[in-house]
């Protein structure tokens, strides 16, 4: 089975690649296909993340297990494309280079039969050029402090239920 996927850079401008990839290949092979399609060297850390229909990040599938105890994380070389993408679960998030945070949204568009004589993975369509630097992300911590609503009024200091002479 061949999966046709669109890999979209999470940016304000449209930059994407449409790829065909065999369903039985590992996520590590999929990672390599994405890095090549966008012109990355492929020598940085990366992870796939399962997500819901609103692109809310869920489980991580990492290139390498960097946890202290080992084997706490699902690994790309042990997970196959067909294990996480299906007609029911069509979306994934892919992050390349954790220092730069190149973030891509992946969506399954179609499944088709393998064509004899065609090499996979296959780039079907390429749109837009990758910028020199990854798009800026706006995180909660980046907000202007005047925009954050803190309830800093302590009108009832006595009701805070702690011993102020605790030490």
C-alpha atoms as a PDB file:
ATOM      1  CA  UNK A   1       0.000   0.000   0.000  1.00  0.00           C
ATOM      2  CA  UNK A   2       1.226   3.491  -0.834  1.00  0.00           C
ATOM      3  CA  UNK A   3       0.361   6.492   1.325  1.00  0.00           C
ATOM      4  CA  UNK A   4       0.108   9.889  -0.313  1.00  0.00           C
ATOM      5  CA  UNK A   5       0.872  12.526   2.299  1.00  0.00           C
ATOM      6  CA  UNK A   6       1.216  16.291   2.361  1.00  0.00           C
ATOM      7  CA  UNK A   7       4.015  17.610   4.592  1.00  0.00           C
ATOM      8  CA  UNK A   8       3.411  21.301   5.381  1.00  0.00           C
ATOM      9  CA  UNK A   9       5.843  23.659   7.086  1.00  0.00           C
ATOM     10  CA  UNK A  10       4.024  25.302   9.996  1.00  0.00           C
ATOM     11  CA  UNK A  11       4.437  28.862   8.698  1.00  0.00           C
ATOM     12  CA  UNK A  12       2.309  31.756   7.489  1.00  0.00           C
ATOM     13  CA  UNK A  13       3.337  31.191   3.858  1.00  0.00           C
ATOM     14  CA  UNK A  14       2.536  27.988   1.974  1.00  0.00           C
ATOM     15  CA  UNK A  15       5.509  25.618   1.851  1.00  0.00           C
ATOM     16  CA  UNK A  16       4.760  21.936   1.399  1.00  0.00           C
ATOM     17  CA  UNK A  17       5.764  18.693  -0.263  1.00  0.00           C
ATOM     18  CA  UNK A  18       3.426  15.960  -1.452  1.00  0.00           C
ATOM     19  CA  UNK A  19       5.080  12.570  -1.000  1.00  0.00           C
ATOM     20  CA  UNK A  20       4.284   8.965  -1.731  1.00  0.00           C
ATOM     21  CA  UNK A  21       5.691   6.496   0.779  1.00  0.00           C
ATOM     22  CA  UNK A  22       5.197   2.798   1.316  1.00  0.00           C
ATOM     23  CA  UNK A  23       2.995   2.045   4.312  1.00  0.00           C
ATOM     24  CA  UNK A  24       5.294  -0.700   5.638  1.00  0.00           C
ATOM     25  CA  UNK A  25       8.445   1.459   5.987  1.00  0.00           C
ATOM     26  CA  UNK A  26       9.697   2.711   9.331  1.00  0.00           C
ATOM     27  CA  UNK A  27       9.196   6.232  10.581  1.00  0.00           C
ATOM     28  CA  UNK A  28      12.977   6.584  10.377  1.00  0.00           C
ATOM     29  CA  UNK A  29      12.710   6.063   6.606  1.00  0.00           C
ATOM     30  CA  UNK A  30       9.837   8.564   6.529  1.00  0.00           C
ATOM     31  CA  UNK A  31      11.987  11.037   8.495  1.00  0.00           C
ATOM     32  CA  UNK A  32      14.766  10.605   5.902  1.00  0.00           C
ATOM     33  CA  UNK A  33      12.306  11.176   3.052  1.00  0.00           C
ATOM     34  CA  UNK A  34      11.034  14.398   4.641  1.00  0.00           C
ATOM     35  CA  UNK A  35      14.517  15.772   5.328  1.00  0.00           C
ATOM     36  CA  UNK A  36      15.569  15.062   1.743  1.00  0.00           C
ATOM     37  CA  UNK A  37      12.374  16.541   0.302  1.00  0.00           C
ATOM     38  CA  UNK A  38      12.978  19.818   2.144  1.00  0.00           C
ATOM     39  CA  UNK A  39      16.755  19.877   1.627  1.00  0.00           C
ATOM     40  CA  UNK A  40      17.906  19.261   5.186  1.00  0.00           C
ATOM     41  CA  UNK A  41      21.094  17.311   5.866  1.00  0.00           C
ATOM     42  CA  UNK A  42      19.186  14.944   8.164  1.00  0.00           C
ATOM     43  CA  UNK A  43      21.805  15.052  10.911  1.00  0.00           C
ATOM     44  CA  UNK A  44      19.663  16.728  13.611  1.00  0.00           C
ATOM     45  CA  UNK A  45      17.377  15.204  16.232  1.00  0.00           C
ATOM     46  CA  UNK A  46      13.767  14.795  15.223  1.00  0.00           C
ATOM     47  CA  UNK A  47      10.491  13.371  16.481  1.00  0.00           C
ATOM     48  CA  UNK A  48       7.066  12.548  15.163  1.00  0.00           C
ATOM     49  CA  UNK A  49       4.069  13.196  17.390  1.00  0.00           C
ATOM     50  CA  UNK A  50       0.660  11.662  17.093  1.00  0.00           C
ATOM     51  CA  UNK A  51      -2.089  14.246  17.367  1.00  0.00           C
ATOM     52  CA  UNK A  52      -5.823  14.682  17.342  1.00  0.00           C
ATOM     53  CA  UNK A  53      -7.939  16.289  14.629  1.00  0.00           C
ATOM     54  CA  UNK A  54      -7.131  19.802  15.983  1.00  0.00           C
ATOM     55  CA  UNK A  55      -3.358  19.133  15.793  1.00  0.00           C
ATOM     56  CA  UNK A  56      -3.003  18.817  19.594  1.00  0.00           C
ATOM     57  CA  UNK A  57       0.241  16.962  20.236  1.00  0.00           C
ATOM     58  CA  UNK A  58       0.030  13.547  21.878  1.00  0.00           C
ATOM     59  CA  UNK A  59       2.595  10.688  21.941  1.00  0.00           C
ATOM     60  CA  UNK A  60       6.208  11.240  20.884  1.00  0.00           C
ATOM     61  CA  UNK A  61       7.998   8.861  18.520  1.00  0.00           C
ATOM     62  CA  UNK A  62      11.677   9.807  18.687  1.00  0.00           C
ATOM     63  CA  UNK A  63      14.664   9.222  16.434  1.00  0.00           C
ATOM     64  CA  UNK A  64      16.740   8.158  19.473  1.00  0.00           C
ATOM     65  CA  UNK A  65      15.850   7.290  23.047  1.00  0.00           C
ATOM     66  CA  UNK A  66      17.542   9.905  25.222  1.00  0.00           C
ATOM     67  CA  UNK A  67      15.681   8.992  28.406  1.00  0.00           C
ATOM     68  CA  UNK A  68      17.715   8.039  31.453  1.00  0.00           C
ATOM     69  CA  UNK A  69      16.132   4.631  31.960  1.00  0.00           C
ATOM     70  CA  UNK A  70      16.031   3.646  28.286  1.00  0.00           C
ATOM     71  CA  UNK A  71      13.096   2.364  26.228  1.00  0.00           C
ATOM     72  CA  UNK A  72      10.611   4.855  27.710  1.00  0.00           C
ATOM     73  CA  UNK A  73       9.962   6.360  24.290  1.00  0.00           C
ATOM     74  CA  UNK A  74       8.656   4.833  21.088  1.00  0.00           C
ATOM     75  CA  UNK A  75      11.379   4.878  18.442  1.00  0.00           C
ATOM     76  CA  UNK A  76      11.160   5.668  14.738  1.00  0.00           C
ATOM     77  CA  UNK A  77      13.109   2.596  13.658  1.00  0.00           C
ATOM     78  CA  UNK A  78      10.646   0.340  15.543  1.00  0.00           C
ATOM     79  CA  UNK A  79       7.453   2.059  14.390  1.00  0.00           C
ATOM     80  CA  UNK A  80       5.996   1.812  10.915  1.00  0.00           C
ATOM     81  CA  UNK A  81       4.040   4.382   8.950  1.00  0.00           C
ATOM     82  CA  UNK A  82       0.993   2.099   8.824  1.00  0.00           C
ATOM     83  CA  UNK A  83       1.098   1.817  12.653  1.00  0.00           C
ATOM     84  CA  UNK A  84       0.286   5.493  13.137  1.00  0.00           C
ATOM     85  CA  UNK A  85      -1.350   6.734   9.928  1.00  0.00           C
ATOM     86  CA  UNK A  86      -4.621   5.354   8.618  1.00  0.00           C
ATOM     87  CA  UNK A  87      -7.870   6.518   7.086  1.00  0.00           C
ATOM     88  CA  UNK A  88      -9.095   7.029  10.672  1.00  0.00           C
ATOM     89  CA  UNK A  89      -5.943   8.733  11.997  1.00  0.00           C
ATOM     90  CA  UNK A  90      -4.755  11.035   9.232  1.00  0.00           C
ATOM     91  CA  UNK A  91      -2.575  13.606  11.021  1.00  0.00           C
ATOM     92  CA  UNK A  92       0.938  13.733  12.468  1.00  0.00           C
ATOM     93  CA  UNK A  93       3.304  16.420  13.664  1.00  0.00           C
ATOM     94  CA  UNK A  94       6.988  16.249  12.749  1.00  0.00           C
ATOM     95  CA  UNK A  95       9.671  18.360  14.441  1.00  0.00           C
ATOM     96  CA  UNK A  96      13.177  18.531  13.003  1.00  0.00           C
ATOM     97  CA  UNK A  97      16.164  20.068  14.823  1.00  0.00           C
ATOM     98  CA  UNK A  98      15.065  20.801  18.378  1.00  0.00           C
ATOM     99  CA  UNK A  99      17.255  23.909  18.571  1.00  0.00           C
ATOM    100  CA  UNK A 100      15.566  25.471  15.538  1.00  0.00           C
ATOM    101  CA  UNK A 101      12.174  23.727  15.913  1.00  0.00           C
ATOM    102  CA  UNK A 102      11.286  23.229  12.249  1.00  0.00           C
ATOM    103  CA  UNK A 103       7.692  22.065  12.683  1.00  0.00           C
ATOM    104  CA  UNK A 104       5.715  20.272   9.999  1.00  0.00           C
ATOM    105  CA  UNK A 105       2.105  19.161   9.823  1.00  0.00           C
ATOM    106  CA  UNK A 106       1.599  15.867   8.009  1.00  0.00           C
ATOM    107  CA  UNK A 107      -1.719  14.741   6.625  1.00  0.00           C
ATOM    108  CA  UNK A 108      -2.637  11.514   4.853  1.00  0.00           C
ATOM    109  CA  UNK A 109      -4.411  12.433   1.619  1.00  0.00           C
ATOM    110  CA  UNK A 110      -4.936   9.046  -0.027  1.00  0.00           C
ATOM    111  CA  UNK A 111      -3.938   5.399  -0.102  1.00  0.00           C
ATOM    112  CA  UNK A 112      -3.233   3.721  -3.443  1.00  0.00           C
ATOM    113  CA  UNK A 113      -1.740   0.509  -4.768  1.00  0.00           C
ATOM    114  CA  UNK A 114       1.976   0.324  -5.474  1.00  0.00           C
ATOM    115  CA  UNK A 115       2.920   1.015  -9.102  1.00  0.00           C
ATOM    116  CA  UNK A 116       5.406  -1.346 -10.714  1.00  0.00           C
ATOM    117  CA  UNK A 117       8.612   0.389 -11.743  1.00  0.00           C
ATOM    118  CA  UNK A 118       8.136   3.408  -9.468  1.00  0.00           C
ATOM    119  CA  UNK A 119      10.695   4.118  -6.741  1.00  0.00           C
ATOM    120  CA  UNK A 120       9.475   5.084  -3.284  1.00  0.00           C
ATOM    121  CA  UNK A 121       9.558   7.446  -1.499  1.00  0.00           C
ATOM    122  CA  UNK A 122       8.502   9.679  -4.338  1.00  0.00           C
ATOM    123  CA  UNK A 123       8.038  13.460  -4.352  1.00  0.00           C
ATOM    124  CA  UNK A 124       4.821  14.164  -6.243  1.00  0.00           C
ATOM    125  CA  UNK A 125       4.748  17.926  -5.856  1.00  0.00           C
ATOM    126  CA  UNK A 126       6.898  20.610  -4.266  1.00  0.00           C
ATOM    127  CA  UNK A 127       5.595  24.080  -3.449  1.00  0.00           C
ATOM    128  CA  UNK A 128       7.496  26.959  -1.867  1.00  0.00           C
ATOM    129  CA  UNK A 129      11.074  27.385  -0.770  1.00  0.00           C
ATOM    130  CA  UNK A 130      12.253  26.678   2.743  1.00  0.00           C
ATOM    131  CA  UNK A 131      13.268  29.932   4.463  1.00  0.00           C
ATOM    132  CA  UNK A 132      16.799  30.436   5.805  1.00  0.00           C
ATOM    133  CA  UNK A 133      15.513  30.241   9.402  1.00  0.00           C
ATOM    134  CA  UNK A 134      12.495  28.454  10.878  1.00  0.00           C
ATOM    135  CA  UNK A 135       9.307  30.470  11.357  1.00  0.00           C
ATOM    136  CA  UNK A 136       8.985  32.184  14.741  1.00  0.00           C
ATOM    137  CA  UNK A 137       6.664  30.495  17.198  1.00  0.00           C
ATOM    138  CA  UNK A 138       4.638  32.460  19.748  1.00  0.00           C
ATOM    139  CA  UNK A 139       4.533  30.634  23.075  1.00  0.00           C
ATOM    140  CA  UNK A 140       2.665  31.619  26.242  1.00  0.00           C
ATOM    141  CA  UNK A 141       5.986  32.533  27.867  1.00  0.00           C
ATOM    142  CA  UNK A 142       6.639  34.977  25.023  1.00  0.00           C
ATOM    143  CA  UNK A 143       3.576  37.059  25.840  1.00  0.00           C
ATOM    144  CA  UNK A 144       3.953  40.589  27.114  1.00  0.00           C
ATOM    145  CA  UNK A 145       3.508  40.411  30.921  1.00  0.00           C
ATOM    146  CA  UNK A 146       0.891  43.168  30.706  1.00  0.00           C
ATOM    147  CA  UNK A 147      -1.258  40.760  28.600  1.00  0.00           C
ATOM    148  CA  UNK A 148      -1.231  38.001  31.223  1.00  0.00           C
ATOM    149  CA  UNK A 149      -4.056  38.076  33.736  1.00  0.00           C
ATOM    150  CA  UNK A 150      -2.625  37.490  37.189  1.00  0.00           C
ATOM    151  CA  UNK A 151      -4.840  37.560  40.223  1.00  0.00           C
ATOM    152  CA  UNK A 152      -2.286  39.178  42.480  1.00  0.00           C
ATOM    153  CA  UNK A 153      -4.726  40.714  44.900  1.00  0.00           C
ATOM    154  CA  UNK A 154      -4.236  39.336  48.374  1.00  0.00           C
ATOM    155  CA  UNK A 155      -7.159  40.882  50.149  1.00  0.00           C
ATOM    156  CA  UNK A 156      -7.547  38.067  52.623  1.00  0.00           C
ATOM    157  CA  UNK A 157      -4.004  37.283  53.681  1.00  0.00           C
ATOM    158  CA  UNK A 158      -5.184  35.522  56.805  1.00  0.00           C
ATOM    159  CA  UNK A 159      -7.248  33.057  54.748  1.00  0.00           C
ATOM    160  CA  UNK A 160      -4.306  31.637  52.773  1.00  0.00           C
ATOM    161  CA  UNK A 161      -4.082  28.672  55.166  1.00  0.00           C
ATOM    162  CA  UNK A 162      -0.391  28.538  55.897  1.00  0.00           C
ATOM    163  CA  UNK A 163       1.713  29.295  58.912  1.00  0.00           C
ATOM    164  CA  UNK A 164       3.675  32.452  58.100  1.00  0.00           C
ATOM    165  CA  UNK A 165       6.243  31.498  60.743  1.00  0.00           C
ATOM    166  CA  UNK A 166       6.867  28.071  59.296  1.00  0.00           C
ATOM    167  CA  UNK A 167      10.664  28.132  59.622  1.00  0.00           C
END
